[in-house]
Structure formats: structure tokens, C-alpha cells
Amino acid sequence: MDTEAAKKFQELLLAFSQAEDLEVRRQIETQLWREYGKELAVFVLDMSGFSLLTRKYGIVHYLSMVKRMQLTTEPIVKAYGGDMLKYEADNCFAVFPDPLSAVNAALAMQHAFKASNLMTSDDLDIHIACGIDYGKILVIRGTDCFGDAVNRASKLGEDVAAAGEVLITREAMKRIPGEAEIKAREVAVSISGLSITAYSILAT
């Protein structure tokens, strides 16, 4: 975690909120995008079944599954050139240099959990849903990220994708080269009341 970068980011936000002069605000915003702005693929993972499993077995049972999810996903993120930002409850937030890397990491995670689920009882099986988008975002390395692409990836992964599904926005899908042979089916989804086109990645 880059604590100095995170501290400076918060200081700039505070200065922006306290500035009354519009030109000063513009300069601070420009500085924020210059120092923290990047074009990246955003990856958000959500574990399925939190409410049901917690009610049935208790929070400790579910937290132990969250820990297993973390131990499995972090090395996969790194293996595909990603930067792990944070784990928040049963969610995983990461960024990748391009959408193809994010999709390959998501597929690797799905395969890893399918394999591990063969060795556990149903009540210990881990199922994940993933959302991916691409765009210009504000990134504090190893800490957090902000922007439209983050919001869309979060909505896809947490609210729209089903267990075992990887959803990617059309904008991100367009950046995956055809020779990668990533197969997907087009789906219409609603995010915050807006209808958008996304793609459900088909497992290989």
C-alpha cells in the first residue's frame, strides 16, 4: 500500500472541496488526473451466496471462505500482470493493463474454484461472479481506484453477473484482439437505470 500517495490524494481532495475559486479547483483536478490518472481494465469479483450461507452456518464459516478466496485470487491477479488494490468484504478489486489480461485472470479464477470445489462439500464451495470494464480512472496503487469504469465493473460483478459468470462491457470487449479467440455472447444489462450492452464470457 502506497500510504504517501494515498495521503496526498486525500489532501488534494480536501483542498478541492475547500477551494472557492473555480480556477484553483481546475488546477487541483488537473493535478489529480496527472498524478493518479491511468487507462486500465478494472476487475471486480463478488462471492455468491453470502446471505444464505451466513444465515445457515454463521459469519465465521463465511469469513473462512472469504480468506480462501483471497489466497486463491491474489497470485492469479499477479500472474496476469494485474495490481491487487483491495479486498472489501467478499469482494476483490484489481486493475490490469488491458481487458484481455483481466478476462484471462477471471477465467483462471473460475477454473481454480471449480477444481477446488471438487474437493470440498457443497457448503464450502466457492462461487464467484466477475465484472470487467476499461477506461480512464484515478488509481492509488495498492489501495483504491475511482471512476466510471470502476462503477460499471462493480455493478456488473456485484449486482448483475450470476455465480460462475464473467461480464465485460462493450467498451472493454472492443479492446480484446480477435486472435485472442475469447468467445462471448452479447447481453443487455441495466446499470443504475441505464441499459448498456455487455458480454458474457464463455468458459474455455
Foldseek 3Di string as FASTA:
>chain_A
DPVVLVVVLVVLVVVLVPDPDPVVNVVSVVVQCVVFKDKWKKKKKAWPDPVPLCVVPNDVLVVVLLVVLVVLQPVLCVVLAKAWADQDRSMTIIIHRALVSNVVSVLVSLVVQVVVQVVDDPSSRIWMFMFMEIDMWGDDGNHDIDDPRNLRRCCRRPPNTDTSKYKYFPRRVVRDDVVVVFDWDWDWDARPNDIGIITITDHD
